[in-house]
Amino acid sequence: MAVYFFYGDEDYNIELELEKLSSILNPDFKSMSLQVFDNPDYQTLISALRTPPMMFGEMLVIVNAENYFLSNKSFFEDAELLDIEDALKNNPELLNIVFVVKLPRNEGKKLDSRKKLYKILAKYNVKEFPTFKTYKTADITAWIKNRAKGKEITLKDDAVLCLIEQIGNNLREFDTELDKLKLMAYPQKTVTKDMVSEICISNQDLFNFTDFIMKGEKDKALAEFYKLLDKKHPLEIISALQTMLKKWIILKTKSSEPLAELAKLTGQHEFVVKQTLSKLKNTKLKELVELKQNLFNVEYKIKSAEVPDIITEVESAIIR
């Protein structure tokens, strides 16, 4: 069969590619036909590469190989590398082998192409999965529309743009929202901008909420919270706020950096970053950090089933 080498800092696209490969396995024997190894030593690796599939048909061996490339340690001797090269060259029939290197997101790390293992794997099916640049909306749009097609729905252009403005370049989050939008649109197949606005918590929704908190206008903040409850469960609101607060804290602490760098750090479009910085102008970093900690504590209590009334607990965190 085939040997693959997947690497890059867009881990979600890598996961989707691995799902595609695993989907061809016999579901009745998947527990035996799918093997996953995390940076195995030489003996474990060579054994996996040379194990012929048995009666249950095709096999898939996934080798998570981050340490092989990102560590300064030398994992294999030259003789061992020759054995690995020979095993891949004589790959057993019905066996697919995938080496995977998930790079840290937004850190600009590259694989060292001088490594002997890289040169061996480069002879096979190599594919890089980079994170989409937030300003390359055409690339993100194409990805969203392709995923939507697989879910048997279509999105109007303004609906796609609305999603991008709210989410940035988080592919995993796009996929989650597309599943929700499919349910909302049913029995229709077309998703509109209004549907996106209704089901997704927008940056503006969160800004309205936190802006009142920062101004000390607790009553207005609670009113915004109740509006958000019409769209989301309290835990979803807290999660969205936590994510947004993390981005705001980054922007406040690194506000002197160029817009392009801030967009890269937060996974947002430069236009959104510029708007956010303007709105955060009079907000103190200390207040953002304290609010994030309050919400973290509430989230922990809710998930630990320590609170009898979730909404009251969130209200308390807001006005604290």
Protein backbone atom coordinates (compact mmCIF):
# COMPACT_ATOMS: atom_id res chain seq x y z
CA MET A 1 0.00 0.00 0.00
CA ALA A 2 1.23 3.53 0.66
CA VAL A 3 3.53 5.49 2.95
CA TYR A 4 2.56 9.05 3.94
CA PHE A 5 4.31 11.91 5.70
CA PHE A 6 1.97 14.60 7.08
CA TYR A 7 3.28 17.64 8.90
CA GLY A 8 2.31 21.22 9.71
CA ASP A 9 0.77 23.44 12.36
CA GLU A 10 -2.88 22.98 11.27
CA ASP A 11 -3.57 19.90 13.35
CA TYR A 12 -7.27 19.79 12.47
CA ASN A 13 -6.60 19.32 8.76
CA ILE A 14 -4.13 16.58 9.63
CA GLU A 15 -6.78 14.87 11.77
CA LEU A 16 -9.30 15.07 8.94
CA GLU A 17 -6.81 13.46 6.55
CA LEU A 18 -6.16 10.66 9.04
CA GLU A 19 -9.92 10.13 9.43
CA LYS A 20 -10.18 9.79 5.66
CA LEU A 21 -7.52 7.07 5.65
CA SER A 22 -9.03 5.23 8.61
CA SER A 23 -12.50 5.31 7.01
CA ILE A 24 -11.44 2.64 4.50
CA LEU A 25 -10.72 0.13 7.28
CA ASN A 26 -13.17 -2.66 8.00
CA PRO A 27 -15.25 -1.25 10.89
CA ASP A 28 -15.71 -4.73 12.38
CA PHE A 29 -11.95 -5.09 12.91
CA LYS A 30 -10.91 -1.48 13.46
CA SER A 31 -9.55 -2.14 16.95
CA MET A 32 -7.02 -4.51 15.37
CA SER A 33 -6.44 -2.83 12.01
CA LEU A 34 -5.65 0.65 13.37
CA GLN A 35 -2.45 1.12 15.38
CA VAL A 36 -1.21 4.45 16.74
CA PHE A 37 2.28 4.96 18.16
CA ASP A 38 3.73 8.03 19.89
CA ASN A 39 7.41 8.47 19.06
CA PRO A 40 8.16 4.74 19.42
CA ASP A 41 11.69 3.46 19.92
CA TYR A 42 13.47 1.63 17.11
CA GLN A 43 12.36 -1.90 18.02
CA THR A 44 8.69 -0.92 18.37
CA LEU A 45 8.75 1.11 15.17
CA ILE A 46 10.46 -1.48 12.97
CA SER A 47 8.12 -4.18 14.26
CA ALA A 48 5.09 -2.06 13.36
CA LEU A 49 6.44 -1.27 9.89
CA ARG A 50 7.07 -4.92 9.11
CA THR A 51 3.89 -6.41 10.57
CA PRO A 52 1.81 -7.84 7.70
CA PRO A 53 -1.96 -7.33 7.85
CA MET A 54 -3.92 -10.40 8.86
CA MET A 55 -7.34 -11.69 7.94
CA PHE A 56 -9.17 -8.43 8.65
CA GLY A 57 -8.02 -6.64 5.48
CA GLU A 58 -6.22 -3.32 5.24
CA MET A 59 -4.28 -1.90 8.19
CA LEU A 60 -3.31 1.64 9.10
CA VAL A 61 -0.26 2.45 11.22
CA ILE A 62 -0.02 6.04 12.46
CA VAL A 63 3.31 7.14 13.88
CA ASN A 64 3.22 10.43 15.79
CA ALA A 65 6.80 11.52 15.19
CA GLU A 66 7.11 14.99 16.73
CA ASN A 67 10.03 14.04 18.97
CA TYR A 68 11.96 12.61 16.03
CA PHE A 69 12.09 16.07 14.46
CA LEU A 70 11.60 18.65 17.22
CA SER A 71 14.00 17.20 19.77
CA ASN A 72 17.75 17.71 19.72
CA LYS A 73 18.14 14.07 20.69
CA SER A 74 19.19 11.62 17.99
CA PHE A 75 16.63 8.81 18.03
CA PHE A 76 18.10 6.36 15.52
CA GLU A 77 21.54 5.06 14.60
CA ASP A 78 22.52 5.03 10.94
CA ALA A 79 22.05 1.25 10.72
CA GLU A 80 18.56 1.59 12.22
CA LEU A 81 17.65 4.27 9.70
CA LEU A 82 18.71 1.91 6.91
CA ASP A 83 16.37 -0.73 8.36
CA ILE A 84 13.52 1.81 8.53
CA GLU A 85 14.17 2.86 4.92
CA ASP A 86 14.17 -0.78 3.80
CA ALA A 87 10.94 -1.50 5.69
CA LEU A 88 9.19 1.44 4.04
CA LYS A 89 10.54 0.48 0.61
CA ASN A 90 9.16 -3.03 1.05
CA ASN A 91 5.89 -1.94 2.61
CA PRO A 92 3.58 -4.98 3.05
CA GLU A 93 0.52 -5.17 0.85
CA LEU A 94 -2.64 -3.80 2.50
CA LEU A 95 -0.60 -1.74 5.00
CA ASN A 96 -0.80 2.08 5.03
CA ILE A 97 1.84 3.86 7.12
CA VAL A 98 1.56 7.51 8.13
CA PHE A 99 4.25 9.53 9.88
CA VAL A 100 2.73 12.61 11.52
CA VAL A 101 4.42 15.74 12.87
CA LYS A 102 2.08 18.34 14.37
CA LEU A 103 4.02 21.56 14.76
CA PRO A 104 3.20 24.17 17.44
CA ARG A 105 0.56 26.53 16.09
CA ASN A 106 1.62 30.04 15.08
CA GLU A 107 5.24 29.59 16.19
CA GLY A 108 6.69 29.47 12.71
CA LYS A 109 8.60 26.25 13.36
CA LYS A 110 9.92 24.33 10.35
CA LEU A 111 11.16 20.79 9.96
CA ASP A 112 14.87 20.30 9.47
CA SER A 113 15.09 18.87 5.96
CA ARG A 114 18.73 17.91 6.62
CA LYS A 115 17.70 15.13 8.99
CA LYS A 116 18.21 11.68 7.53
CA LEU A 117 14.72 10.56 8.53
CA TYR A 118 13.22 13.56 6.72
CA LYS A 119 15.12 12.62 3.55
CA ILE A 120 13.80 9.05 3.82
CA LEU A 121 10.17 10.11 4.31
CA ALA A 122 10.38 12.81 1.64
CA LYS A 123 10.49 10.07 -1.00
CA TYR A 124 6.88 9.16 -0.29
CA ASN A 125 3.52 10.95 -0.11
CA VAL A 126 4.49 14.19 1.64
CA LYS A 127 1.89 16.81 2.49
CA GLU A 128 2.27 19.96 4.55
CA PHE A 129 -0.73 21.32 6.47
CA PRO A 130 -0.04 24.97 7.33
CA THR A 131 -2.42 27.16 9.31
CA PHE A 132 -4.47 29.41 7.04
CA LYS A 133 -3.37 33.03 7.26
CA THR A 134 -6.23 35.08 8.70
CA TYR A 135 -5.97 37.64 5.90
CA LYS A 136 -6.31 34.97 3.21
CA THR A 137 -10.08 34.84 3.41
CA ALA A 138 -10.35 33.17 0.00
CA ASP A 139 -8.49 30.09 1.30
CA ILE A 140 -10.63 29.92 4.45
CA THR A 141 -13.80 30.45 2.40
CA ALA A 142 -12.89 27.55 0.11
CA TRP A 143 -12.27 25.30 3.12
CA ILE A 144 -15.60 26.22 4.76
CA LYS A 145 -17.55 25.67 1.56
CA ASN A 146 -15.88 22.33 0.97
CA ARG A 147 -16.68 21.16 4.51
CA ALA A 148 -20.24 22.42 4.14
CA LYS A 149 -20.60 20.47 0.88
CA GLY A 150 -19.55 17.31 2.74
CA LYS A 151 -22.31 17.99 5.25
CA GLU A 152 -24.78 18.47 2.35
CA ILE A 153 -25.38 22.17 2.98
CA THR A 154 -24.35 25.37 1.21
CA LEU A 155 -23.50 28.75 2.67
CA LYS A 156 -24.14 32.09 1.01
CA ASP A 157 -21.06 34.27 0.62
CA ASP A 158 -22.15 36.77 3.27
CA ALA A 159 -22.80 33.88 5.69
CA VAL A 160 -19.25 32.59 5.14
CA LEU A 161 -17.80 36.07 5.67
CA CYS A 162 -19.81 36.44 8.87
CA LEU A 163 -18.39 33.15 10.16
CA ILE A 164 -14.84 34.21 9.33
CA GLU A 165 -15.27 37.59 11.04
CA GLN A 166 -16.45 35.87 14.20
CA ILE A 167 -14.13 32.85 14.32
CA GLY A 168 -10.96 33.83 12.43
CA ASN A 169 -9.06 30.76 11.22
CA ASN A 170 -10.04 28.12 13.80
CA LEU A 171 -11.04 25.21 11.54
CA ARG A 172 -12.21 23.00 14.38
CA GLU A 173 -14.59 25.72 15.53
CA PHE A 174 -15.84 26.25 11.97
CA ASP A 175 -16.70 22.56 11.75
CA THR A 176 -18.61 22.65 15.04
CA GLU A 177 -20.62 25.67 13.92
CA LEU A 178 -21.37 24.09 10.53
CA ASP A 179 -22.93 21.08 12.31
CA LYS A 180 -25.13 23.42 14.34
CA LEU A 181 -26.07 25.44 11.26
CA LYS A 182 -27.06 22.28 9.40
CA LEU A 183 -29.55 21.46 12.17
CA MET A 184 -30.84 25.03 12.21
CA ALA A 185 -31.36 25.12 8.43
CA TYR A 186 -33.14 21.73 8.25
CA PRO A 187 -35.09 20.82 6.17
CA GLN A 188 -33.53 23.48 3.95
CA LYS A 189 -29.98 23.07 2.67
CA THR A 190 -28.91 26.71 2.48
CA VAL A 191 -27.41 28.61 5.42
CA THR A 192 -27.90 32.37 5.52
CA LYS A 193 -26.08 35.19 7.29
CA ASP A 194 -29.03 35.61 9.65
CA MET A 195 -28.67 31.97 10.73
CA VAL A 196 -24.97 32.49 11.42
CA SER A 197 -25.69 35.64 13.42
CA GLU A 198 -28.36 33.86 15.41
CA ILE A 199 -26.45 30.71 16.33
CA CYS A 200 -22.95 32.14 16.83
CA ILE A 201 -21.93 34.47 19.64
CA SER A 202 -20.34 37.37 17.81
CA ASN A 203 -17.47 39.56 18.92
CA GLN A 204 -19.95 42.41 19.24
CA ASP A 205 -22.20 40.36 21.56
CA LEU A 206 -19.24 39.67 23.80
CA PHE A 207 -18.03 43.26 23.64
CA ASN A 208 -21.44 44.57 24.69
CA PHE A 209 -21.42 42.18 27.62
CA THR A 210 -17.87 42.83 28.85
CA ASP A 211 -17.98 46.55 28.08
CA PHE A 212 -20.76 47.02 30.61
CA ILE A 213 -18.85 44.91 33.14
CA MET A 214 -15.72 47.04 32.71
CA LYS A 215 -17.76 50.23 33.08
CA GLY A 216 -19.26 48.91 36.31
CA GLU A 217 -22.75 48.90 34.77
CA LYS A 218 -23.66 45.51 36.20
CA ASP A 219 -27.39 45.76 35.48
CA LYS A 220 -26.74 46.34 31.77
CA ALA A 221 -24.17 43.55 31.75
CA LEU A 222 -26.72 41.14 33.18
CA ALA A 223 -29.25 42.25 30.57
CA GLU A 224 -26.71 41.35 27.84
CA PHE A 225 -26.06 38.03 29.56
CA TYR A 226 -29.77 37.17 29.43
CA LYS A 227 -29.78 38.00 25.70
CA LEU A 228 -26.87 35.62 25.19
CA LEU A 229 -28.83 32.92 27.05
CA ASP A 230 -31.34 32.98 24.19
CA LYS A 231 -28.57 31.63 21.94
CA LYS A 232 -26.35 29.53 24.17
CA HIS A 233 -26.11 27.41 27.32
CA PRO A 234 -24.29 29.26 30.16
CA LEU A 235 -21.25 26.99 29.77
CA GLU A 236 -21.03 27.83 26.06
CA ILE A 237 -21.18 31.53 26.91
CA ILE A 238 -18.43 31.15 29.50
CA SER A 239 -16.31 29.15 27.05
CA ALA A 240 -16.74 31.78 24.33
CA LEU A 241 -15.89 34.53 26.80
CA GLN A 242 -12.81 32.69 28.01
CA THR A 243 -11.59 32.30 24.45
CA MET A 244 -12.26 35.94 23.64
CA LEU A 245 -10.71 37.21 26.89
CA LYS A 246 -7.56 35.23 26.13
CA LYS A 247 -7.29 37.04 22.79
CA TRP A 248 -8.01 40.42 24.39
CA ILE A 249 -5.32 39.86 27.03
CA ILE A 250 -2.83 39.03 24.28
CA LEU A 251 -3.79 42.21 22.41
CA LYS A 252 -3.47 44.37 25.53
CA THR A 253 -0.07 42.95 26.49
CA LYS A 254 1.32 43.11 22.95
CA SER A 255 -0.51 46.14 21.58
CA SER A 256 2.75 47.67 20.33
CA GLU A 257 3.27 44.78 17.89
CA PRO A 258 2.34 45.18 14.19
CA LEU A 259 -1.26 44.30 13.25
CA ALA A 260 -0.08 41.36 11.15
CA GLU A 261 1.71 39.84 14.14
CA LEU A 262 -1.30 40.38 16.44
CA ALA A 263 -3.56 38.76 13.85
CA LYS A 264 -1.23 35.77 13.76
CA LEU A 265 -1.14 35.48 17.57
CA THR A 266 -4.92 35.66 17.98
CA GLY A 267 -6.03 33.88 14.80
CA GLN A 268 -8.16 36.84 13.76
CA HIS A 269 -8.38 39.02 10.69
CA GLU A 270 -6.33 42.24 10.88
CA PHE A 271 -9.53 44.28 10.50
CA VAL A 272 -11.03 42.55 13.55
CA VAL A 273 -7.82 43.10 15.52
CA LYS A 274 -7.84 46.81 14.70
CA GLN A 275 -11.48 47.12 15.82
CA THR A 276 -10.78 45.19 19.01
CA LEU A 277 -7.79 47.33 19.96
CA SER A 278 -9.91 50.44 19.52
CA LYS A 279 -12.65 49.08 21.75
CA LEU A 280 -10.17 47.94 24.39
CA LYS A 281 -8.45 51.32 24.52
CA ASN A 282 -9.91 52.30 27.90
CA THR A 283 -10.04 48.80 29.37
CA LYS A 284 -7.47 47.87 32.02
CA LEU A 285 -5.51 44.67 31.57
CA LYS A 286 -5.96 43.84 35.27
CA GLU A 287 -9.75 43.85 34.87
CA LEU A 288 -9.60 41.48 31.92
CA VAL A 289 -7.37 39.07 33.84
CA GLU A 290 -9.63 39.19 36.93
CA LEU A 291 -12.75 38.56 34.86
CA LYS A 292 -11.10 35.62 33.10
CA GLN A 293 -10.12 34.11 36.47
CA ASN A 294 -13.66 34.57 37.83
CA LEU A 295 -15.14 32.82 34.81
CA PHE A 296 -12.58 30.03 35.05
CA ASN A 297 -13.56 29.42 38.68
CA VAL A 298 -17.27 29.37 37.82
CA GLU A 299 -16.70 27.01 34.89
CA TYR A 300 -14.79 24.62 37.15
CA LYS A 301 -17.55 24.65 39.78
CA ILE A 302 -20.27 24.03 37.19
CA LYS A 303 -18.41 21.14 35.57
CA SER A 304 -17.71 19.67 39.03
CA ALA A 305 -21.46 19.81 39.83
CA GLU A 306 -20.75 22.05 42.82
CA VAL A 307 -23.48 24.59 42.07
CA PRO A 308 -27.26 24.07 42.36
CA ASP A 309 -28.15 27.05 40.13
CA ILE A 310 -25.83 27.60 37.17
CA ILE A 311 -27.29 30.92 36.00
CA THR A 312 -27.16 32.42 39.50
CA GLU A 313 -23.53 31.35 39.82
CA VAL A 314 -22.61 33.02 36.52
CA GLU A 315 -24.49 36.15 37.54
CA SER A 316 -22.47 36.22 40.75
CA ALA A 317 -19.21 36.01 38.80
CA ILE A 318 -20.30 38.89 36.59
CA ILE A 319 -21.21 41.32 39.37
CA ARG A 320 -18.40 40.25 41.73
